Protein backbone atom coordinates (compact mmCIF):
# COMPACT_ATOMS: atom_id res chain seq x y z
CA MET A 1 0.97 -6.96 27.57
CA ALA A 2 1.00 -3.73 29.48
CA ILE A 3 2.29 -0.30 27.82
CA GLY A 4 4.18 1.55 30.42
CA ALA A 5 6.87 1.37 32.72
CA GLU A 6 6.00 -1.49 34.66
CA ASP A 7 9.26 -1.92 37.76
CA TYR A 8 11.03 1.23 39.48
CA ILE A 9 13.65 1.26 36.91
CA ASP A 10 11.29 1.90 34.22
CA GLN A 11 9.75 4.70 35.75
CA LEU A 12 12.68 6.37 36.83
CA LEU A 13 13.85 6.70 33.21
CA VAL A 14 10.82 7.81 32.00
CA LYS A 15 10.86 11.03 34.41
CA LYS A 16 14.58 11.35 33.27
CA TYR A 17 13.75 10.94 29.35
CA ALA A 18 10.65 12.61 29.34
CA GLU A 19 11.44 16.28 28.18
CA GLU A 20 14.63 14.85 26.43
CA LYS A 21 14.72 15.49 22.03
CA VAL A 22 16.12 13.48 20.63
CA ASP A 23 15.89 14.53 17.08
CA ASN A 24 15.14 17.76 16.31
CA HIS A 25 13.43 18.32 13.39
CA ASP A 26 13.36 21.76 13.38
CA ASN A 27 17.13 22.47 12.55
CA MET A 28 17.88 20.12 10.01
CA GLU A 29 17.70 20.67 6.29
CA SER A 30 15.90 18.14 3.78
CA MET A 31 17.89 16.73 1.07
CA VAL A 32 14.92 16.22 -0.37
CA ASP A 33 12.39 19.33 -1.54
CA PRO A 34 8.94 17.82 -0.49
CA ASN A 35 7.84 19.27 -3.35
CA LYS A 36 8.96 17.49 -5.88
CA MET A 37 9.18 14.11 -3.49
CA MET A 38 5.19 14.80 -2.89
CA GLY A 39 5.02 15.40 -7.55
CA ALA A 40 6.63 12.36 -7.49
CA MET A 41 4.52 9.62 -5.28
CA ASN A 42 1.24 11.46 -7.19
CA ASP A 43 2.84 10.69 -10.14
CA TYR A 44 3.30 6.88 -9.23
CA ALA A 45 0.11 6.42 -7.63
CA ASN A 46 -1.56 7.92 -10.64
CA MET A 47 0.57 5.46 -12.89
CA TYR A 48 -0.89 2.43 -10.32
CA LYS A 49 -4.01 3.79 -10.96
CA ASN A 50 -4.31 4.03 -14.24
CA MET A 51 -2.12 0.30 -15.24
CA MET A 52 -5.50 -0.61 -12.76
CA MET A 53 -7.21 0.55 -14.34
CA LEU A 54 -6.56 -0.87 -17.82
CA LYS A 55 -5.72 -4.06 -16.36
CA GLN A 56 -9.76 -4.00 -15.56
CA ARG A 57 -10.63 -3.09 -18.60
CA LEU A 58 -8.31 -5.64 -20.19
CA ASN A 59 -9.45 -8.29 -18.35
CA ILE A 60 -13.12 -7.43 -19.44
CA ALA A 61 -12.12 -7.18 -22.99
CA CYS A 62 -10.53 -10.87 -23.26
CA TYR A 63 -13.65 -12.30 -21.04
CA ALA A 64 -16.03 -10.88 -23.38
CA VAL A 65 -13.66 -12.40 -26.63
CA ASN A 66 -13.19 -16.02 -24.80
CA ALA A 67 -17.11 -15.95 -23.65
CA LYS A 68 -17.75 -15.28 -27.78
CA ASN A 69 -16.02 -18.06 -29.20
CA ALA A 70 -16.56 -20.15 -26.77
CA ARG A 71 -17.81 -23.70 -27.93
CA TYR A 72 -19.52 -26.26 -25.98
CA ILE A 73 -19.65 -30.34 -26.62
CA ARG A 74 -21.49 -32.17 -24.80
CA SER A 75 -20.02 -35.05 -23.11
CA PRO A 76 -21.16 -38.67 -23.95
CA GLN A 77 -21.91 -39.29 -20.05
CA ALA A 78 -24.49 -36.01 -20.08
CA ARG A 79 -26.29 -37.13 -23.33
CA GLN A 80 -28.31 -39.66 -20.83
């Protein structure tokens, strides 16, 4: 699959709209303060990181407890 205009009509449309601006962000004012948004994203990322670290430590602790309390029983077939 090629990228770009393949036929004559598409080429004309590309030439026509090459210099058009469809969305001018310079004149728009954001409804959300970018610093507050970055702060919220940072807080969320830190919380997720802490939860992942806590989950990892909890898994290690549970594995250690289960390994310490494990009792192994020989099956009758293994005694032969």
